[in-house]
C-alpha cells in the first residue's frame, strides 16, 4: 500500500529500516496505565500526545534537542522512545526506569523519484535495487545490534530495564486499540483494507 500511495505521487520506496523498539521512561513504578495519571509526558507528535491523553498524563511538547534540559528542570518526568534516545540524551541522569513495551518500530524510508528511476538503464536500476536490498538487510541488523548495545549501556549507567506487567501490557493494548479505531475513522475503507491484510 505504501508503494501504491507513493506511486500516485510519482515516488517509489527503495528501502526502509526500523529504529529500535519504543518503551516508556519514567521515574515512577508502572504496574498499570493508571500509574501514569498526572505524569508530565514528553509529546513530540500527535500520536504521543494522544497516548498521554488516553492514560491521563499531561502532554508537554519538547523537541529532542531540548529533552535533557526539560528533564533536568522537571518540565517532563516521562516519555516514550527507544533505548537509543535514552542513552543519547543521558536520560539515566534523571530517570531510572525504562519499561520495554516495544510499543512500535518507527521506520525511516529512502524514496526516489519514479521518473528518474525509470530513466535509468536496466543494469543501473538492478544495481540500485540490489544496493537498496543490501542496505535494508544491514540496517535492520544494525538496529537490532544497537538496541542490545544501548540497553546494556543504560543498565551500566543505573537504568532499570523492566519487562512490563501483564496489566500494563493489557492497558497499553487498549490505548493502541483506541488509537487504531480513531485512525480507521479517518483512513476509511483503504485503511481498513490495510489493517485487515496486516492481521491475516
C-alpha atoms as a PDB file:
ATOM      1  CA  UNK A   1       0.000   0.000   0.000  1.00  0.00           C
ATOM      2  CA  UNK A   2       2.890   2.368   0.709  1.00  0.00           C
ATOM      3  CA  UNK A   3       4.216   1.652  -2.802  1.00  0.00           C
ATOM      4  CA  UNK A   4       0.747   2.424  -4.195  1.00  0.00           C
ATOM      5  CA  UNK A   5       0.338   5.698  -2.239  1.00  0.00           C
ATOM      6  CA  UNK A   6       3.826   6.930  -3.111  1.00  0.00           C
ATOM      7  CA  UNK A   7       3.398   5.751  -6.711  1.00  0.00           C
ATOM      8  CA  UNK A   8       0.373   8.043  -7.000  1.00  0.00           C
ATOM      9  CA  UNK A   9       2.744  10.899  -6.114  1.00  0.00           C
ATOM     10  CA  UNK A  10       5.464   9.858  -8.568  1.00  0.00           C
ATOM     11  CA  UNK A  11       7.752   8.241  -5.994  1.00  0.00           C
ATOM     12  CA  UNK A  12       8.908   4.767  -5.016  1.00  0.00           C
ATOM     13  CA  UNK A  13      10.437   3.229  -1.892  1.00  0.00           C
ATOM     14  CA  UNK A  14      13.958   1.873  -2.228  1.00  0.00           C
ATOM     15  CA  UNK A  15      14.131   0.511   1.309  1.00  0.00           C
ATOM     16  CA  UNK A  16      13.018   1.074   4.897  1.00  0.00           C
ATOM     17  CA  UNK A  17      14.766   0.441   8.212  1.00  0.00           C
ATOM     18  CA  UNK A  18      13.300   0.497  11.708  1.00  0.00           C
ATOM     19  CA  UNK A  19      14.590   2.319  14.753  1.00  0.00           C
ATOM     20  CA  UNK A  20      14.806   0.194  17.904  1.00  0.00           C
ATOM     21  CA  UNK A  21      11.513  -0.520  19.733  1.00  0.00           C
ATOM     22  CA  UNK A  22       9.853   2.184  21.831  1.00  0.00           C
ATOM     23  CA  UNK A  23       9.492   1.938  25.607  1.00  0.00           C
ATOM     24  CA  UNK A  24       8.437   4.179  28.490  1.00  0.00           C
ATOM     25  CA  UNK A  25      10.920   6.216  30.532  1.00  0.00           C
ATOM     26  CA  UNK A  26       9.545   7.230  33.916  1.00  0.00           C
ATOM     27  CA  UNK A  27      10.577   7.960  37.479  1.00  0.00           C
ATOM     28  CA  UNK A  28       7.501   6.061  38.694  1.00  0.00           C
ATOM     29  CA  UNK A  29       6.851   2.369  39.069  1.00  0.00           C
ATOM     30  CA  UNK A  30       4.246   1.421  36.483  1.00  0.00           C
ATOM     31  CA  UNK A  31       2.075  -1.576  37.250  1.00  0.00           C
ATOM     32  CA  UNK A  32      -0.786  -0.338  35.085  1.00  0.00           C
ATOM     33  CA  UNK A  33      -1.730   2.628  32.908  1.00  0.00           C
ATOM     34  CA  UNK A  34      -3.463   4.146  35.954  1.00  0.00           C
ATOM     35  CA  UNK A  35       0.022   4.737  37.411  1.00  0.00           C
ATOM     36  CA  UNK A  36       0.714   7.122  34.507  1.00  0.00           C
ATOM     37  CA  UNK A  37      -2.006   9.558  35.573  1.00  0.00           C
ATOM     38  CA  UNK A  38      -0.540  13.030  36.072  1.00  0.00           C
ATOM     39  CA  UNK A  39       2.879  12.289  34.583  1.00  0.00           C
ATOM     40  CA  UNK A  40       4.479  15.194  32.700  1.00  0.00           C
ATOM     41  CA  UNK A  41       4.853  13.311  29.420  1.00  0.00           C
ATOM     42  CA  UNK A  42       7.079  14.470  26.580  1.00  0.00           C
ATOM     43  CA  UNK A  43       4.958  14.646  23.443  1.00  0.00           C
ATOM     44  CA  UNK A  44       6.741  15.045  20.118  1.00  0.00           C
ATOM     45  CA  UNK A  45       3.895  14.124  17.750  1.00  0.00           C
ATOM     46  CA  UNK A  46       0.095  13.992  17.682  1.00  0.00           C
ATOM     47  CA  UNK A  47       0.293  10.249  18.429  1.00  0.00           C
ATOM     48  CA  UNK A  48       2.469  10.627  21.546  1.00  0.00           C
ATOM     49  CA  UNK A  49       0.242  13.461  22.754  1.00  0.00           C
ATOM     50  CA  UNK A  50      -2.812  11.232  22.267  1.00  0.00           C
ATOM     51  CA  UNK A  51      -1.175   8.428  24.280  1.00  0.00           C
ATOM     52  CA  UNK A  52      -0.705  10.911  27.132  1.00  0.00           C
ATOM     53  CA  UNK A  53      -4.362  11.954  26.966  1.00  0.00           C
ATOM     54  CA  UNK A  54      -5.601   8.353  26.974  1.00  0.00           C
ATOM     55  CA  UNK A  55      -3.580   7.406  30.080  1.00  0.00           C
ATOM     56  CA  UNK A  56      -4.272  10.658  31.959  1.00  0.00           C
ATOM     57  CA  UNK A  57      -0.748  12.067  31.638  1.00  0.00           C
ATOM     58  CA  UNK A  58      -0.064  15.710  30.800  1.00  0.00           C
ATOM     59  CA  UNK A  59       1.412  16.061  27.286  1.00  0.00           C
ATOM     60  CA  UNK A  60       4.272  18.573  27.065  1.00  0.00           C
ATOM     61  CA  UNK A  61       5.764  19.362  23.649  1.00  0.00           C
ATOM     62  CA  UNK A  62       9.542  19.011  23.841  1.00  0.00           C
ATOM     63  CA  UNK A  63      11.864  18.569  20.866  1.00  0.00           C
ATOM     64  CA  UNK A  64      14.710  16.052  21.050  1.00  0.00           C
ATOM     65  CA  UNK A  65      17.380  18.771  21.324  1.00  0.00           C
ATOM     66  CA  UNK A  66      15.646  20.161  24.437  1.00  0.00           C
ATOM     67  CA  UNK A  67      14.916  16.840  26.157  1.00  0.00           C
ATOM     68  CA  UNK A  68      17.897  16.752  28.550  1.00  0.00           C
ATOM     69  CA  UNK A  69      17.150  20.285  29.740  1.00  0.00           C
ATOM     70  CA  UNK A  70      13.426  19.500  30.092  1.00  0.00           C
ATOM     71  CA  UNK A  71      14.208  16.504  32.340  1.00  0.00           C
ATOM     72  CA  UNK A  72      16.783  18.459  34.373  1.00  0.00           C
ATOM     73  CA  UNK A  73      14.312  21.271  35.077  1.00  0.00           C
ATOM     74  CA  UNK A  74      11.320  19.000  35.743  1.00  0.00           C
ATOM     75  CA  UNK A  75       9.378  20.116  32.659  1.00  0.00           C
ATOM     76  CA  UNK A  76       8.939  16.399  31.842  1.00  0.00           C
ATOM     77  CA  UNK A  77       9.306  13.321  34.014  1.00  0.00           C
ATOM     78  CA  UNK A  78       8.388  10.662  31.458  1.00  0.00           C
ATOM     79  CA  UNK A  79       8.392   9.934  27.751  1.00  0.00           C
ATOM     80  CA  UNK A  80       8.201   7.151  25.220  1.00  0.00           C
ATOM     81  CA  UNK A  81      11.158   6.419  22.967  1.00  0.00           C
ATOM     82  CA  UNK A  82      13.859   3.885  22.169  1.00  0.00           C
ATOM     83  CA  UNK A  83      16.850   2.867  24.242  1.00  0.00           C
ATOM     84  CA  UNK A  84      18.972   4.833  21.772  1.00  0.00           C
ATOM     85  CA  UNK A  85      17.223   8.118  22.605  1.00  0.00           C
ATOM     86  CA  UNK A  86      17.582   7.401  26.314  1.00  0.00           C
ATOM     87  CA  UNK A  87      21.298   6.813  26.020  1.00  0.00           C
ATOM     88  CA  UNK A  88      21.968   9.690  23.614  1.00  0.00           C
ATOM     89  CA  UNK A  89      20.150  12.176  25.892  1.00  0.00           C
ATOM     90  CA  UNK A  90      21.659  10.733  29.102  1.00  0.00           C
ATOM     91  CA  UNK A  91      18.150  10.124  30.413  1.00  0.00           C
ATOM     92  CA  UNK A  92      19.703   7.897  33.108  1.00  0.00           C
ATOM     93  CA  UNK A  93      20.927  11.076  34.839  1.00  0.00           C
ATOM     94  CA  UNK A  94      17.291  11.999  35.583  1.00  0.00           C
ATOM     95  CA  UNK A  95      15.104   8.904  35.172  1.00  0.00           C
ATOM     96  CA  UNK A  96      15.928   5.369  36.300  1.00  0.00           C
ATOM     97  CA  UNK A  97      13.146   3.203  34.816  1.00  0.00           C
ATOM     98  CA  UNK A  98      12.593   2.103  31.226  1.00  0.00           C
ATOM     99  CA  UNK A  99       9.646  -0.177  30.537  1.00  0.00           C
ATOM    100  CA  UNK A 100      10.393  -2.293  27.484  1.00  0.00           C
ATOM    101  CA  UNK A 101       6.890  -2.058  25.994  1.00  0.00           C
ATOM    102  CA  UNK A 102       8.108  -2.468  22.398  1.00  0.00           C
ATOM    103  CA  UNK A 103       5.235  -0.157  21.524  1.00  0.00           C
ATOM    104  CA  UNK A 104       6.190   0.384  17.883  1.00  0.00           C
ATOM    105  CA  UNK A 105       9.095   0.344  15.446  1.00  0.00           C
ATOM    106  CA  UNK A 106       9.387   3.762  13.776  1.00  0.00           C
ATOM    107  CA  UNK A 107      10.780   3.441  10.264  1.00  0.00           C
ATOM    108  CA  UNK A 108      12.842   5.650   8.022  1.00  0.00           C
ATOM    109  CA  UNK A 109      12.408   5.047   4.310  1.00  0.00           C
ATOM    110  CA  UNK A 110      14.619   6.045   1.408  1.00  0.00           C
ATOM    111  CA  UNK A 111      12.463   7.076  -1.538  1.00  0.00           C
ATOM    112  CA  UNK A 112      13.270   8.139  -5.084  1.00  0.00           C
ATOM    113  CA  UNK A 113      11.523   9.919  -7.908  1.00  0.00           C
ATOM    114  CA  UNK A 114       9.881   7.212 -10.045  1.00  0.00           C
ATOM    115  CA  UNK A 115      10.501   9.045 -13.353  1.00  0.00           C
ATOM    116  CA  UNK A 116      14.206   9.448 -12.521  1.00  0.00           C
ATOM    117  CA  UNK A 117      14.429   5.742 -11.621  1.00  0.00           C
ATOM    118  CA  UNK A 118      12.635   4.748 -14.843  1.00  0.00           C
ATOM    119  CA  UNK A 119      15.075   6.898 -16.861  1.00  0.00           C
ATOM    120  CA  UNK A 120      17.994   4.743 -15.673  1.00  0.00           C
ATOM    121  CA  UNK A 121      19.161   1.855 -17.853  1.00  0.00           C
ATOM    122  CA  UNK A 122      18.184  -1.650 -16.690  1.00  0.00           C
ATOM    123  CA  UNK A 123      21.651  -2.539 -15.346  1.00  0.00           C
ATOM    124  CA  UNK A 124      21.745   0.644 -13.232  1.00  0.00           C
ATOM    125  CA  UNK A 125      18.199   0.035 -11.953  1.00  0.00           C
ATOM    126  CA  UNK A 126      19.145  -3.525 -10.962  1.00  0.00           C
ATOM    127  CA  UNK A 127      22.326  -2.319  -9.229  1.00  0.00           C
ATOM    128  CA  UNK A 128      20.357   0.342  -7.322  1.00  0.00           C
ATOM    129  CA  UNK A 129      17.694  -2.167  -6.212  1.00  0.00           C
ATOM    130  CA  UNK A 130      20.388  -4.627  -5.082  1.00  0.00           C
ATOM    131  CA  UNK A 131      22.196  -1.888  -3.135  1.00  0.00           C
ATOM    132  CA  UNK A 132      18.862  -0.923  -1.529  1.00  0.00           C
ATOM    133  CA  UNK A 133      18.081  -4.527  -0.545  1.00  0.00           C
ATOM    134  CA  UNK A 134      21.566  -4.910   0.948  1.00  0.00           C
ATOM    135  CA  UNK A 135      21.201  -1.610   2.830  1.00  0.00           C
ATOM    136  CA  UNK A 136      17.842  -2.728   4.240  1.00  0.00           C
ATOM    137  CA  UNK A 137      19.299  -6.028   5.483  1.00  0.00           C
ATOM    138  CA  UNK A 138      22.286  -4.221   7.045  1.00  0.00           C
ATOM    139  CA  UNK A 139      20.022  -1.538   8.543  1.00  0.00           C
ATOM    140  CA  UNK A 140      17.681  -3.979  10.300  1.00  0.00           C
ATOM    141  CA  UNK A 141      20.676  -5.908  11.687  1.00  0.00           C
ATOM    142  CA  UNK A 142      22.269  -2.652  12.865  1.00  0.00           C
ATOM    143  CA  UNK A 143      19.014  -1.600  14.554  1.00  0.00           C
ATOM    144  CA  UNK A 144      18.820  -4.907  16.485  1.00  0.00           C
ATOM    145  CA  UNK A 145      22.512  -4.658  17.448  1.00  0.00           C
ATOM    146  CA  UNK A 146      22.140  -1.028  18.531  1.00  0.00           C
ATOM    147  CA  UNK A 147      19.108  -1.889  20.658  1.00  0.00           C
ATOM    148  CA  UNK A 148      21.004  -4.633  22.509  1.00  0.00           C
ATOM    149  CA  UNK A 149      24.068  -2.434  22.994  1.00  0.00           C
ATOM    150  CA  UNK A 150      22.245   0.678  24.212  1.00  0.00           C
ATOM    151  CA  UNK A 151      20.144  -1.266  26.702  1.00  0.00           C
ATOM    152  CA  UNK A 152      23.384  -2.653  28.175  1.00  0.00           C
ATOM    153  CA  UNK A 153      24.811   0.884  28.311  1.00  0.00           C
ATOM    154  CA  UNK A 154      21.659   2.178  30.022  1.00  0.00           C
ATOM    155  CA  UNK A 155      21.935  -0.621  32.617  1.00  0.00           C
ATOM    156  CA  UNK A 156      25.603   0.209  33.170  1.00  0.00           C
ATOM    157  CA  UNK A 157      24.525   3.785  33.945  1.00  0.00           C
ATOM    158  CA  UNK A 158      21.959   2.711  36.542  1.00  0.00           C
ATOM    159  CA  UNK A 159      18.840   2.398  34.405  1.00  0.00           C
ATOM    160  CA  UNK A 160      16.403  -0.397  35.273  1.00  0.00           C
ATOM    161  CA  UNK A 161      15.245  -2.181  32.109  1.00  0.00           C
ATOM    162  CA  UNK A 162      11.835  -3.532  33.099  1.00  0.00           C
ATOM    163  CA  UNK A 163       9.530  -6.005  31.391  1.00  0.00           C
ATOM    164  CA  UNK A 164       6.024  -4.519  31.666  1.00  0.00           C
ATOM    165  CA  UNK A 165       3.468  -6.315  33.815  1.00  0.00           C
ATOM    166  CA  UNK A 166       0.604  -8.185  32.154  1.00  0.00           C
ATOM    167  CA  UNK A 167      -1.721  -5.397  33.349  1.00  0.00           C
ATOM    168  CA  UNK A 168       0.411  -2.605  31.875  1.00  0.00           C
ATOM    169  CA  UNK A 169       0.648  -4.532  28.570  1.00  0.00           C
ATOM    170  CA  UNK A 170      -3.141  -5.016  28.505  1.00  0.00           C
ATOM    171  CA  UNK A 171      -3.756  -1.348  29.343  1.00  0.00           C
ATOM    172  CA  UNK A 172      -1.378  -0.129  26.630  1.00  0.00           C
ATOM    173  CA  UNK A 173      -3.004  -2.506  24.124  1.00  0.00           C
ATOM    174  CA  UNK A 174      -6.325  -0.783  24.909  1.00  0.00           C
ATOM    175  CA  UNK A 175      -4.653   2.574  24.187  1.00  0.00           C
ATOM    176  CA  UNK A 176      -3.399   1.184  20.872  1.00  0.00           C
ATOM    177  CA  UNK A 177      -6.823  -0.236  20.020  1.00  0.00           C
ATOM    178  CA  UNK A 178      -8.458   3.144  20.685  1.00  0.00           C
ATOM    179  CA  UNK A 179      -5.871   4.973  18.566  1.00  0.00           C
ATOM    180  CA  UNK A 180      -6.320   2.452  15.752  1.00  0.00           C
ATOM    181  CA  UNK A 181     -10.106   2.943  15.901  1.00  0.00           C
ATOM    182  CA  UNK A 182      -9.628   6.723  15.638  1.00  0.00           C
ATOM    183  CA  UNK A 183      -7.185   6.312  12.748  1.00  0.00           C
ATOM    184  CA  UNK A 184      -9.562   3.996  10.863  1.00  0.00           C
ATOM    185  CA  UNK A 185     -12.331   6.595  11.162  1.00  0.00           C
ATOM    186  CA  UNK A 186     -10.065   8.992   9.216  1.00  0.00           C
ATOM    187  CA  UNK A 187      -8.449   6.440   6.894  1.00  0.00           C
ATOM    188  CA  UNK A 188     -11.724   4.878   5.760  1.00  0.00           C
ATOM    189  CA  UNK A 189     -12.063   1.690   3.680  1.00  0.00           C
ATOM    190  CA  UNK A 190      -8.494   1.842   2.363  1.00  0.00           C
ATOM    191  CA  UNK A 191      -7.134   1.958   5.912  1.00  0.00           C
ATOM    192  CA  UNK A 192      -9.406  -0.930   6.933  1.00  0.00           C
ATOM    193  CA  UNK A 193      -8.125  -2.935   3.957  1.00  0.00           C
ATOM    194  CA  UNK A 194      -4.537  -2.329   5.080  1.00  0.00           C
ATOM    195  CA  UNK A 195      -5.255  -3.401   8.680  1.00  0.00           C
ATOM    196  CA  UNK A 196      -7.181  -6.491   7.531  1.00  0.00           C
ATOM    197  CA  UNK A 197      -4.307  -7.533   5.258  1.00  0.00           C
ATOM    198  CA  UNK A 198      -1.786  -6.994   8.076  1.00  0.00           C
ATOM    199  CA  UNK A 199      -3.835  -9.113  10.507  1.00  0.00           C
ATOM    200  CA  UNK A 200      -4.075 -12.127   8.124  1.00  0.00           C
END
